[in-house]
């Protein structure tokens, strides 16, 4: 999620990713981390849920694959350091450095 359109990672405030080690993680301030080891498999569909608190500049991220239970990626993580002062998140971005991904079925509440 970002404040306006962006084409690079530094412009994203709340970030989840499929990392190169085969795991799902999220950005907490200046580092990527996770509450638990969550592996991923290429070709499967994953459902992400982000609960965002813009005034606190924090978010919690969850992931679910298929009929498996939802897992906490990270709770009360801080926005990316470069985006610590944003007052709105109005853009959903997808940045891919390898392979292909798609976003569908976005619900904003």
PDB file of N, CA and C in Angstrom:
ATOM      1  N   UNK A   1       0.844  -1.178   0.000  1.00  0.00           N
ATOM      2  CA  UNK A   1       0.000   0.000   0.000  1.00  0.00           C
ATOM      3  C   UNK A   1       0.884   1.234   0.000  1.00  0.00           C
ATOM      4  N   UNK A   2       0.453   2.265  -0.728  1.00  0.00           N
ATOM      5  CA  UNK A   2       1.259   3.481  -0.808  1.00  0.00           C
ATOM      6  C   UNK A   2       0.374   4.708  -0.870  1.00  0.00           C
ATOM      7  N   UNK A   3       0.988   5.840  -0.666  1.00  0.00           N
ATOM      8  CA  UNK A   3       0.327   7.128  -0.831  1.00  0.00           C
ATOM      9  C   UNK A   3       0.610   7.571  -2.260  1.00  0.00           C
ATOM     10  N   UNK A   4      -0.300   7.296  -3.152  1.00  0.00           N
ATOM     11  CA  UNK A   4      -0.097   7.584  -4.568  1.00  0.00           C
ATOM     12  C   UNK A   4       0.630   6.443  -5.262  1.00  0.00           C
ATOM     13  N   UNK A   5       0.662   6.513  -6.573  1.00  0.00           N
ATOM     14  CA  UNK A   5       1.310   5.475  -7.371  1.00  0.00           C
ATOM     15  C   UNK A   5       2.821   5.492  -7.148  1.00  0.00           C
ATOM     16  N   UNK A   6       3.416   4.308  -7.167  1.00  0.00           N
ATOM     17  CA  UNK A   6       4.870   4.201  -7.034  1.00  0.00           C
ATOM     18  C   UNK A   6       5.367   3.045  -7.894  1.00  0.00           C
ATOM     19  N   UNK A   7       6.599   3.133  -8.317  1.00  0.00           N
ATOM     20  CA  UNK A   7       7.192   2.078  -9.125  1.00  0.00           C
ATOM     21  C   UNK A   7       8.364   1.410  -8.425  1.00  0.00           C
ATOM     22  N   UNK A   8       8.598   1.780  -7.146  1.00  0.00           N
ATOM     23  CA  UNK A   8       9.709   1.156  -6.437  1.00  0.00           C
ATOM     24  C   UNK A   8       9.319   0.825  -5.003  1.00  0.00           C
ATOM     25  N   UNK A   9      10.085  -0.055  -4.399  1.00  0.00           N
ATOM     26  CA  UNK A   9       9.794  -0.525  -3.040  1.00  0.00           C
ATOM     27  C   UNK A   9       9.784   0.605  -2.019  1.00  0.00           C
ATOM     28  N   UNK A  10      10.649   1.582  -2.162  1.00  0.00           N
ATOM     29  CA  UNK A  10      10.749   2.683  -1.213  1.00  0.00           C
ATOM     30  C   UNK A  10       9.481   3.511  -1.102  1.00  0.00           C
ATOM     31  N   UNK A  11       8.620   3.453  -2.101  1.00  0.00           N
ATOM     32  CA  UNK A  11       7.372   4.203  -2.085  1.00  0.00           C
ATOM     33  C   UNK A  11       6.231   3.493  -1.389  1.00  0.00           C
ATOM     34  N   UNK A  12       6.441   2.236  -1.007  1.00  0.00           N
ATOM     35  CA  UNK A  12       5.396   1.454  -0.349  1.00  0.00           C
ATOM     36  C   UNK A  12       5.483   1.613   1.167  1.00  0.00           C
ATOM     37  N   UNK A  13       4.348   1.778   1.827  1.00  0.00           N
ATOM     38  CA  UNK A  13       4.332   1.957   3.280  1.00  0.00           C
ATOM     39  C   UNK A  13       4.077   0.639   4.006  1.00  0.00           C
ATOM     40  N   UNK A  14       3.077  -0.100   3.587  1.00  0.00           N
ATOM     41  CA  UNK A  14       2.739  -1.396   4.174  1.00  0.00           C
ATOM     42  C   UNK A  14       3.008  -2.456   3.107  1.00  0.00           C
ATOM     43  N   UNK A  15       3.902  -3.386   3.419  1.00  0.00           N
ATOM     44  CA  UNK A  15       4.396  -4.298   2.381  1.00  0.00           C
ATOM     45  C   UNK A  15       4.400  -5.739   2.870  1.00  0.00           C
ATOM     46  N   UNK A  16       3.843  -6.633   2.046  1.00  0.00           N
ATOM     47  CA  UNK A  16       4.048  -8.071   2.240  1.00  0.00           C
ATOM     48  C   UNK A  16       4.741  -8.575   0.984  1.00  0.00           C
ATOM     49  N   UNK A  17       5.536  -9.637   1.140  1.00  0.00           N
ATOM     50  CA  UNK A  17       6.260 -10.120  -0.043  1.00  0.00           C
ATOM     51  C   UNK A  17       6.492 -11.622   0.033  1.00  0.00           C
ATOM     52  N   UNK A  18       6.749 -12.170  -1.138  1.00  0.00           N
ATOM     53  CA  UNK A  18       7.255 -13.532  -1.292  1.00  0.00           C
ATOM     54  C   UNK A  18       8.767 -13.359  -1.411  1.00  0.00           C
ATOM     55  N   UNK A  19       9.533 -13.723  -0.376  1.00  0.00           N
ATOM     56  CA  UNK A  19      10.969 -13.466  -0.431  1.00  0.00           C
ATOM     57  C   UNK A  19      11.715 -14.568  -1.177  1.00  0.00           C
ATOM     58  N   UNK A  20      12.982 -14.334  -1.483  1.00  0.00           N
ATOM     59  CA  UNK A  20      13.791 -15.273  -2.268  1.00  0.00           C
ATOM     60  C   UNK A  20      14.103 -16.574  -1.544  1.00  0.00           C
ATOM     61  N   UNK A  21      13.880 -16.623  -0.233  1.00  0.00           N
ATOM     62  CA  UNK A  21      14.138 -17.836   0.546  1.00  0.00           C
ATOM     63  C   UNK A  21      12.921 -18.759   0.587  1.00  0.00           C
ATOM     64  N   UNK A  22      11.857 -18.406  -0.155  1.00  0.00           N
ATOM     65  CA  UNK A  22      10.670 -19.258  -0.203  1.00  0.00           C
ATOM     66  C   UNK A  22       9.693 -19.032   0.931  1.00  0.00           C
ATOM     67  N   UNK A  23       9.752 -17.847   1.538  1.00  0.00           N
ATOM     68  CA  UNK A  23       8.874 -17.534   2.666  1.00  0.00           C
ATOM     69  C   UNK A  23       8.132 -16.222   2.424  1.00  0.00           C
ATOM     70  N   UNK A  24       7.035 -16.062   3.144  1.00  0.00           N
ATOM     71  CA  UNK A  24       6.263 -14.822   3.112  1.00  0.00           C
ATOM     72  C   UNK A  24       6.679 -13.996   4.320  1.00  0.00           C
ATOM     73  N   UNK A  25       6.928 -12.702   4.106  1.00  0.00           N
ATOM     74  CA  UNK A  25       7.244 -11.819   5.215  1.00  0.00           C
ATOM     75  C   UNK A  25       6.671 -10.438   4.945  1.00  0.00           C
ATOM     76  N   UNK A  26       6.918  -9.500   5.856  1.00  0.00           N
ATOM     77  CA  UNK A  26       6.398  -8.139   5.730  1.00  0.00           C
ATOM     78  C   UNK A  26       7.432  -7.151   6.237  1.00  0.00           C
ATOM     79  N   UNK A  27       7.271  -5.919   5.822  1.00  0.00           N
ATOM     80  CA  UNK A  27       8.195  -4.859   6.214  1.00  0.00           C
ATOM     81  C   UNK A  27       7.757  -4.271   7.554  1.00  0.00           C
ATOM     82  N   UNK A  28       8.699  -4.184   8.480  1.00  0.00           N
ATOM     83  CA  UNK A  28       8.464  -3.542   9.771  1.00  0.00           C
ATOM     84  C   UNK A  28       9.483  -2.423   9.913  1.00  0.00           C
ATOM     85  N   UNK A  29       9.081  -1.200   9.601  1.00  0.00           N
ATOM     86  CA  UNK A  29      10.009  -0.072   9.625  1.00  0.00           C
ATOM     87  C   UNK A  29      11.101  -0.255   8.589  1.00  0.00           C
ATOM     88  N   UNK A  30      12.319  -0.551   9.042  1.00  0.00           N
ATOM     89  CA  UNK A  30      13.465  -0.658   8.152  1.00  0.00           C
ATOM     90  C   UNK A  30      13.877  -2.070   7.772  1.00  0.00           C
ATOM     91  N   UNK A  31      13.133  -3.103   8.230  1.00  0.00           N
ATOM     92  CA  UNK A  31      13.528  -4.482   7.939  1.00  0.00           C
ATOM     93  C   UNK A  31      12.320  -5.347   7.575  1.00  0.00           C
ATOM     94  N   UNK A  32      12.590  -6.405   6.839  1.00  0.00           N
ATOM     95  CA  UNK A  32      11.572  -7.427   6.588  1.00  0.00           C
ATOM     96  C   UNK A  32      11.680  -8.473   7.682  1.00  0.00           C
ATOM     97  N   UNK A  33      10.542  -8.905   8.197  1.00  0.00           N
ATOM     98  CA  UNK A  33      10.508  -9.895   9.266  1.00  0.00           C
ATOM     99  C   UNK A  33       9.155 -10.598   9.243  1.00  0.00           C
ATOM    100  N   UNK A  34       8.983 -11.558  10.136  1.00  0.00           N
ATOM    101  CA  UNK A  34       7.715 -12.265  10.221  1.00  0.00           C
ATOM    102  C   UNK A  34       7.534 -12.823  11.620  1.00  0.00           C
ATOM    103  N   UNK A  35       6.288 -12.987  12.023  1.00  0.00           N
ATOM    104  CA  UNK A  35       5.979 -13.533  13.343  1.00  0.00           C
ATOM    105  C   UNK A  35       6.233 -15.038  13.393  1.00  0.00           C
ATOM    106  N   UNK A  36       6.179 -15.706  12.236  1.00  0.00           N
ATOM    107  CA  UNK A  36       6.398 -17.155  12.145  1.00  0.00           C
ATOM    108  C   UNK A  36       6.901 -17.477  10.748  1.00  0.00           C
ATOM    109  N   UNK A  37       7.549 -18.610  10.588  1.00  0.00           N
ATOM    110  CA  UNK A  37       8.005 -19.035   9.266  1.00  0.00           C
ATOM    111  C   UNK A  37       6.776 -19.467   8.460  1.00  0.00           C
ATOM    112  N   UNK A  38       6.548 -18.792   7.350  1.00  0.00           N
ATOM    113  CA  UNK A  38       5.404 -19.090   6.487  1.00  0.00           C
ATOM    114  C   UNK A  38       5.938 -19.361   5.086  1.00  0.00           C
ATOM    115  N   UNK A  39       6.099 -20.642   4.720  1.00  0.00           N
ATOM    116  CA  UNK A  39       6.602 -20.952   3.381  1.00  0.00           C
ATOM    117  C   UNK A  39       5.523 -20.733   2.316  1.00  0.00           C
ATOM    118  N   UNK A  40       5.953 -20.527   1.084  1.00  0.00           N
ATOM    119  CA  UNK A  40       5.003 -20.442  -0.025  1.00  0.00           C
ATOM    120  C   UNK A  40       5.432 -21.386  -1.134  1.00  0.00           C
ATOM    121  N   UNK A  41       4.473 -21.710  -1.988  1.00  0.00           N
ATOM    122  CA  UNK A  41       4.707 -22.590  -3.132  1.00  0.00           C
ATOM    123  C   UNK A  41       4.284 -21.834  -4.389  1.00  0.00           C
ATOM    124  N   UNK A  42       5.164 -21.748  -5.360  1.00  0.00           N
ATOM    125  CA  UNK A  42       4.843 -21.076  -6.616  1.00  0.00           C
ATOM    126  C   UNK A  42       3.631 -21.731  -7.262  1.00  0.00           C
ATOM    127  N   UNK A  43       2.775 -20.922  -7.860  1.00  0.00           N
ATOM    128  CA  UNK A  43       1.616 -21.420  -8.567  1.00  0.00           C
ATOM    129  C   UNK A  43       0.347 -21.533  -7.730  1.00  0.00           C
ATOM    130  N   UNK A  44       0.455 -21.375  -6.412  1.00  0.00           N
ATOM    131  CA  UNK A  44      -0.730 -21.419  -5.559  1.00  0.00           C
ATOM    132  C   UNK A  44      -1.263 -20.006  -5.343  1.00  0.00           C
ATOM    133  N   UNK A  45      -2.524 -19.906  -4.970  1.00  0.00           N
ATOM    134  CA  UNK A  45      -3.161 -18.627  -4.703  1.00  0.00           C
ATOM    135  C   UNK A  45      -3.124 -18.337  -3.209  1.00  0.00           C
ATOM    136  N   UNK A  46      -2.752 -17.120  -2.857  1.00  0.00           N
ATOM    137  CA  UNK A  46      -2.681 -16.688  -1.462  1.00  0.00           C
ATOM    138  C   UNK A  46      -3.582 -15.478  -1.270  1.00  0.00           C
ATOM    139  N   UNK A  47      -4.288 -15.448  -0.151  1.00  0.00           N
ATOM    140  CA  UNK A  47      -5.168 -14.339   0.196  1.00  0.00           C
ATOM    141  C   UNK A  47      -4.532 -13.572   1.354  1.00  0.00           C
ATOM    142  N   UNK A  48      -4.292 -12.291   1.133  1.00  0.00           N
ATOM    143  CA  UNK A  48      -3.680 -11.441   2.151  1.00  0.00           C
ATOM    144  C   UNK A  48      -4.728 -10.508   2.732  1.00  0.00           C
ATOM    145  N   UNK A  49      -4.600 -10.243   4.012  1.00  0.00           N
ATOM    146  CA  UNK A  49      -5.462  -9.278   4.696  1.00  0.00           C
ATOM    147  C   UNK A  49      -4.565  -8.348   5.498  1.00  0.00           C
ATOM    148  N   UNK A  50      -4.717  -7.050   5.257  1.00  0.00           N
ATOM    149  CA  UNK A  50      -3.964  -6.044   6.004  1.00  0.00           C
ATOM    150  C   UNK A  50      -4.942  -5.193   6.800  1.00  0.00           C
ATOM    151  N   UNK A  51      -4.667  -5.050   8.072  1.00  0.00           N
ATOM    152  CA  UNK A  51      -5.448  -4.180   8.952  1.00  0.00           C
ATOM    153  C   UNK A  51      -4.556  -2.977   9.230  1.00  0.00           C
ATOM    154  N   UNK A  52      -4.938  -1.831   8.693  1.00  0.00           N
ATOM    155  CA  UNK A  52      -4.076  -0.658   8.691  1.00  0.00           C
ATOM    156  C   UNK A  52      -4.614   0.423   9.631  1.00  0.00           C
ATOM    157  N   UNK A  53      -3.715   0.993  10.428  1.00  0.00           N
ATOM    158  CA  UNK A  53      -4.026   2.113  11.314  1.00  0.00           C
ATOM    159  C   UNK A  53      -3.193   3.292  10.820  1.00  0.00           C
ATOM    160  N   UNK A  54      -3.783   4.113   9.954  1.00  0.00           N
ATOM    161  CA  UNK A  54      -3.024   5.208   9.345  1.00  0.00           C
ATOM    162  C   UNK A  54      -2.542   6.230  10.378  1.00  0.00           C
ATOM    163  N   UNK A  55      -3.384   6.671  11.335  1.00  0.00           N
ATOM    164  CA  UNK A  55      -2.860   7.644  12.309  1.00  0.00           C
ATOM    165  C   UNK A  55      -1.653   7.118  13.102  1.00  0.00           C
ATOM    166  N   UNK A  56      -1.643   5.824  13.413  1.00  0.00           N
ATOM    167  CA  UNK A  56      -0.518   5.227  14.156  1.00  0.00           C
ATOM    168  C   UNK A  56       0.612   4.806  13.225  1.00  0.00           C
ATOM    169  N   UNK A  57       0.358   4.854  11.906  1.00  0.00           N
ATOM    170  CA  UNK A  57       1.321   4.419  10.887  1.00  0.00           C
ATOM    171  C   UNK A  57       1.811   3.001  11.159  1.00  0.00           C
ATOM    172  N   UNK A  58       0.809   2.120  11.341  1.00  0.00           N
ATOM    173  CA  UNK A  58       1.112   0.720  11.617  1.00  0.00           C
ATOM    174  C   UNK A  58       0.091  -0.168  10.921  1.00  0.00           C
ATOM    175  N   UNK A  59       0.424  -1.445  10.833  1.00  0.00           N
ATOM    176  CA  UNK A  59      -0.486  -2.403  10.210  1.00  0.00           C
ATOM    177  C   UNK A  59      -0.181  -3.804  10.716  1.00  0.00           C
ATOM    178  N   UNK A  60      -1.178  -4.664  10.584  1.00  0.00           N
ATOM    179  CA  UNK A  60      -1.006  -6.088  10.843  1.00  0.00           C
ATOM    180  C   UNK A  60      -1.331  -6.801   9.546  1.00  0.00           C
ATOM    181  N   UNK A  61      -0.582  -7.844   9.229  1.00  0.00           N
ATOM    182  CA  UNK A  61      -0.751  -8.557   7.964  1.00  0.00           C
ATOM    183  C   UNK A  61      -0.995 -10.038   8.220  1.00  0.00           C
ATOM    184  N   UNK A  62      -1.908 -10.601   7.436  1.00  0.00           N
ATOM    185  CA  UNK A  62      -2.296 -12.003   7.564  1.00  0.00           C
ATOM    186  C   UNK A  62      -2.306 -12.629   6.175  1.00  0.00           C
ATOM    187  N   UNK A  63      -2.108 -13.949   6.119  1.00  0.00           N
ATOM    188  CA  UNK A  63      -2.157 -14.661   4.853  1.00  0.00           C
ATOM    189  C   UNK A  63      -2.900 -15.979   5.037  1.00  0.00           C
ATOM    190  N   UNK A  64      -3.585 -16.369   3.970  1.00  0.00           N
ATOM    191  CA  UNK A  64      -4.312 -17.641   3.972  1.00  0.00           C
ATOM    192  C   UNK A  64      -4.117 -18.277   2.603  1.00  0.00           C
ATOM    193  N   UNK A  65      -3.874 -19.565   2.599  1.00  0.00           N
ATOM    194  CA  UNK A  65      -3.751 -20.305   1.340  1.00  0.00           C
ATOM    195  C   UNK A  65      -4.788 -21.419   1.345  1.00  0.00           C
ATOM    196  N   UNK A  66      -5.658 -21.426   0.340  1.00  0.00           N
ATOM    197  CA  UNK A  66      -6.669 -22.469   0.216  1.00  0.00           C
ATOM    198  C   UNK A  66      -7.564 -22.560   1.443  1.00  0.00           C
ATOM    199  N   UNK A  67      -7.767 -23.796   1.933  1.00  0.00           N
ATOM    200  CA  UNK A  67      -8.627 -24.015   3.098  1.00  0.00           C
ATOM    201  C   UNK A  67      -7.847 -23.963   4.406  1.00  0.00           C
ATOM    202  N   UNK A  68      -6.551 -23.687   4.320  1.00  0.00           N
ATOM    203  CA  UNK A  68      -5.727 -23.590   5.526  1.00  0.00           C
ATOM    204  C   UNK A  68      -6.144 -22.396   6.371  1.00  0.00           C
ATOM    205  N   UNK A  69      -5.835 -22.440   7.652  1.00  0.00           N
ATOM    206  CA  UNK A  69      -6.148 -21.344   8.563  1.00  0.00           C
ATOM    207  C   UNK A  69      -5.331 -20.109   8.225  1.00  0.00           C
ATOM    208  N   UNK A  70      -5.911 -18.948   8.486  1.00  0.00           N
ATOM    209  CA  UNK A  70      -5.197 -17.692   8.302  1.00  0.00           C
ATOM    210  C   UNK A  70      -4.027 -17.633   9.278  1.00  0.00           C
ATOM    211  N   UNK A  71      -2.882 -17.126   8.802  1.00  0.00           N
ATOM    212  CA  UNK A  71      -1.689 -17.014   9.631  1.00  0.00           C
ATOM    213  C   UNK A  71      -1.284 -15.552   9.771  1.00  0.00           C
ATOM    214  N   UNK A  72      -0.804 -15.190  10.942  1.00  0.00           N
ATOM    215  CA  UNK A  72      -0.293 -13.848  11.180  1.00  0.00           C
ATOM    216  C   UNK A  72       1.105 -13.734  10.587  1.00  0.00           C
ATOM    217  N   UNK A  73       1.281 -12.788   9.681  1.00  0.00           N
ATOM    218  CA  UNK A  73       2.611 -12.486   9.160  1.00  0.00           C
ATOM    219  C   UNK A  73       3.321 -11.571  10.150  1.00  0.00           C
ATOM    220  N   UNK A  74       2.628 -10.540  10.591  1.00  0.00           N
ATOM    221  CA  UNK A  74       3.187  -9.610  11.562  1.00  0.00           C
ATOM    222  C   UNK A  74       2.115  -8.717  12.145  1.00  0.00           C
ATOM    223  N   UNK A  75       2.218  -8.420  13.433  1.00  0.00           N
ATOM    224  CA  UNK A  75       1.227  -7.601  14.105  1.00  0.00           C
ATOM    225  C   UNK A  75       1.797  -6.261  14.540  1.00  0.00           C
ATOM    226  N   UNK A  76       1.034  -5.214  14.276  1.00  0.00           N
ATOM    227  CA  UNK A  76       1.426  -3.844  14.645  1.00  0.00           C
ATOM    228  C   UNK A  76       2.797  -3.452  14.105  1.00  0.00           C
ATOM    229  N   UNK A  77       3.044  -3.823  12.870  1.00  0.00           N
ATOM    230  CA  UNK A  77       4.289  -3.433  12.210  1.00  0.00           C
ATOM    231  C   UNK A  77       4.226  -1.958  11.845  1.00  0.00           C
ATOM    232  N   UNK A  78       5.365  -1.308  11.859  1.00  0.00           N
ATOM    233  CA  UNK A  78       5.465   0.102  11.468  1.00  0.00           C
ATOM    234  C   UNK A  78       5.540   0.209   9.951  1.00  0.00           C
ATOM    235  N   UNK A  79       5.005   1.315   9.411  1.00  0.00           N
ATOM    236  CA  UNK A  79       5.152   1.587   7.989  1.00  0.00           C
ATOM    237  C   UNK A  79       6.641   1.625   7.647  1.00  0.00           C
ATOM    238  N   UNK A  80       6.951   1.361   6.394  1.00  0.00           N
ATOM    239  CA  UNK A  80       8.337   1.448   5.930  1.00  0.00           C
ATOM    240  C   UNK A  80       8.930   2.787   6.359  1.00  0.00           C
ATOM    241  N   UNK A  81      10.161   2.779   6.792  1.00  0.00           N
ATOM    242  CA  UNK A  81      10.828   3.961   7.334  1.00  0.00           C
ATOM    243  C   UNK A  81      10.667   5.184   6.431  1.00  0.00           C
ATOM    244  N   UNK A  82      10.848   5.017   5.129  1.00  0.00           N
ATOM    245  CA  UNK A  82      10.746   6.140   4.184  1.00  0.00           C
ATOM    246  C   UNK A  82       9.330   6.699   4.105  1.00  0.00           C
ATOM    247  N   UNK A  83       8.334   5.948   4.576  1.00  0.00           N
ATOM    248  CA  UNK A  83       6.937   6.364   4.490  1.00  0.00           C
ATOM    249  C   UNK A  83       6.325   6.645   5.861  1.00  0.00           C
ATOM    250  N   UNK A  84       7.147   6.867   6.867  1.00  0.00           N
ATOM    251  CA  UNK A  84       6.680   7.027   8.246  1.00  0.00           C
ATOM    252  C   UNK A  84       5.793   8.253   8.454  1.00  0.00           C
ATOM    253  N   UNK A  85       5.779   9.194   7.540  1.00  0.00           N
ATOM    254  CA  UNK A  85       4.991  10.413   7.721  1.00  0.00           C
ATOM    255  C   UNK A  85       3.733  10.465   6.853  1.00  0.00           C
ATOM    256  N   UNK A  86       3.420   9.424   6.091  1.00  0.00           N
ATOM    257  CA  UNK A  86       2.250   9.485   5.201  1.00  0.00           C
ATOM    258  C   UNK A  86       0.973   9.630   6.014  1.00  0.00           C
ATOM    259  N   UNK A  87       0.005  10.337   5.428  1.00  0.00           N
ATOM    260  CA  UNK A  87      -1.273  10.535   6.102  1.00  0.00           C
ATOM    261  C   UNK A  87      -2.421   9.861   5.372  1.00  0.00           C
ATOM    262  N   UNK A  88      -2.126   9.201   4.253  1.00  0.00           N
ATOM    263  CA  UNK A  88      -3.144   8.471   3.492  1.00  0.00           C
ATOM    264  C   UNK A  88      -2.471   7.355   2.703  1.00  0.00           C
ATOM    265  N   UNK A  89      -3.168   6.253   2.562  1.00  0.00           N
ATOM    266  CA  UNK A  89      -2.732   5.153   1.688  1.00  0.00           C
ATOM    267  C   UNK A  89      -3.865   4.931   0.691  1.00  0.00           C
ATOM    268  N   UNK A  90      -3.634   5.328  -0.543  1.00  0.00           N
ATOM    269  CA  UNK A  90      -4.701   5.289  -1.541  1.00  0.00           C
ATOM    270  C   UNK A  90      -4.327   4.515  -2.794  1.00  0.00           C
ATOM    271  N   UNK A  91      -3.288   3.687  -2.697  1.00  0.00           N
ATOM    272  CA  UNK A  91      -2.845   2.946  -3.863  1.00  0.00           C
ATOM    273  C   UNK A  91      -2.416   1.535  -3.467  1.00  0.00           C
ATOM    274  N   UNK A  92      -2.848   0.564  -4.230  1.00  0.00           N
ATOM    275  CA  UNK A  92      -2.426  -0.821  -4.049  1.00  0.00           C
ATOM    276  C   UNK A  92      -1.436  -1.120  -5.158  1.00  0.00           C
ATOM    277  N   UNK A  93      -0.217  -1.447  -4.791  1.00  0.00           N
ATOM    278  CA  UNK A  93       0.825  -1.669  -5.787  1.00  0.00           C
ATOM    279  C   UNK A  93       1.307  -3.102  -5.803  1.00  0.00           C
ATOM    280  N   UNK A  94       1.813  -3.518  -6.944  1.00  0.00           N
ATOM    281  CA  UNK A  94       2.438  -4.825  -7.106  1.00  0.00           C
ATOM    282  C   UNK A  94       3.752  -4.598  -7.836  1.00  0.00           C
ATOM    283  N   UNK A  95       4.847  -4.941  -7.179  1.00  0.00           N
ATOM    284  CA  UNK A  95       6.164  -4.822  -7.784  1.00  0.00           C
ATOM    285  C   UNK A  95       6.746  -6.223  -7.856  1.00  0.00           C
ATOM    286  N   UNK A  96       7.144  -6.641  -9.035  1.00  0.00           N
ATOM    287  CA  UNK A  96       7.669  -7.984  -9.238  1.00  0.00           C
ATOM    288  C   UNK A  96       9.054  -7.902  -9.839  1.00  0.00           C
ATOM    289  N   UNK A  97      10.026  -8.494  -9.146  1.00  0.00           N
ATOM    290  CA  UNK A  97      11.378  -8.501  -9.689  1.00  0.00           C
ATOM    291  C   UNK A  97      11.682  -9.804 -10.414  1.00  0.00           C
ATOM    292  N   UNK A  98      10.803 -10.784 -10.288  1.00  0.00           N
ATOM    293  CA  UNK A  98      10.976 -12.060 -10.977  1.00  0.00           C
ATOM    294  C   UNK A  98       9.631 -12.759 -11.095  1.00  0.00           C
ATOM    295  N   UNK A  99       9.459 -13.549 -12.128  1.00  0.00           N
ATOM    296  CA  UNK A  99       8.207 -14.286 -12.307  1.00  0.00           C
ATOM    297  C   UNK A  99       7.039 -13.368 -12.595  1.00  0.00           C
ATOM    298  N   UNK A 100       5.839 -13.876 -12.363  1.00  0.00           N
ATOM    299  CA  UNK A 100       4.651 -13.064 -12.593  1.00  0.00           C
ATOM    300  C   UNK A 100       3.662 -13.266 -11.454  1.00  0.00           C
ATOM    301  N   UNK A 101       2.968 -12.206 -11.108  1.00  0.00           N
ATOM    302  CA  UNK A 101       1.949 -12.219 -10.076  1.00  0.00           C
ATOM    303  C   UNK A 101       0.766 -11.418 -10.574  1.00  0.00           C
ATOM    304  N   UNK A 102      -0.381 -11.604  -9.926  1.00  0.00           N
ATOM    305  CA  UNK A 102      -1.543 -10.788 -10.254  1.00  0.00           C
ATOM    306  C   UNK A 102      -2.316 -10.522  -8.971  1.00  0.00           C
ATOM    307  N   UNK A 103      -3.091  -9.450  -8.998  1.00  0.00           N
ATOM    308  CA  UNK A 103      -3.941  -9.077  -7.873  1.00  0.00           C
ATOM    309  C   UNK A 103      -5.375  -9.118  -8.355  1.00  0.00           C
ATOM    310  N   UNK A 104      -6.251  -9.739  -7.592  1.00  0.00           N
ATOM    311  CA  UNK A 104      -7.667  -9.748  -7.928  1.00  0.00           C
ATOM    312  C   UNK A 104      -8.501  -9.840  -6.654  1.00  0.00           C
ATOM    313  N   UNK A 105      -9.763  -9.515  -6.762  1.00  0.00           N
ATOM    314  CA  UNK A 105     -10.670  -9.645  -5.634  1.00  0.00           C
ATOM    315  C   UNK A 105     -10.349  -8.740  -4.466  1.00  0.00           C
ATOM    316  N   UNK A 106      -9.918  -7.517  -4.726  1.00  0.00           N
ATOM    317  CA  UNK A 106      -9.552  -6.593  -3.652  1.00  0.00           C
ATOM    318  C   UNK A 106     -10.832  -6.071  -2.991  1.00  0.00           C
ATOM    319  N   UNK A 107     -10.844  -6.121  -1.656  1.00  0.00           N
ATOM    320  CA  UNK A 107     -11.965  -5.603  -0.869  1.00  0.00           C
ATOM    321  C   UNK A 107     -11.409  -4.580   0.110  1.00  0.00           C
ATOM    322  N   UNK A 108     -11.986  -3.393   0.116  1.00  0.00           N
ATOM    323  CA  UNK A 108     -11.571  -2.344   1.045  1.00  0.00           C
ATOM    324  C   UNK A 108     -12.737  -2.090   1.989  1.00  0.00           C
ATOM    325  N   UNK A 109     -12.448  -2.154   3.287  1.00  0.00           N
ATOM    326  CA  UNK A 109     -13.508  -1.909   4.276  1.00  0.00           C
ATOM    327  C   UNK A 109     -13.150  -0.745   5.130  1.00  0.00           C
TER     328      UNK A 109
END
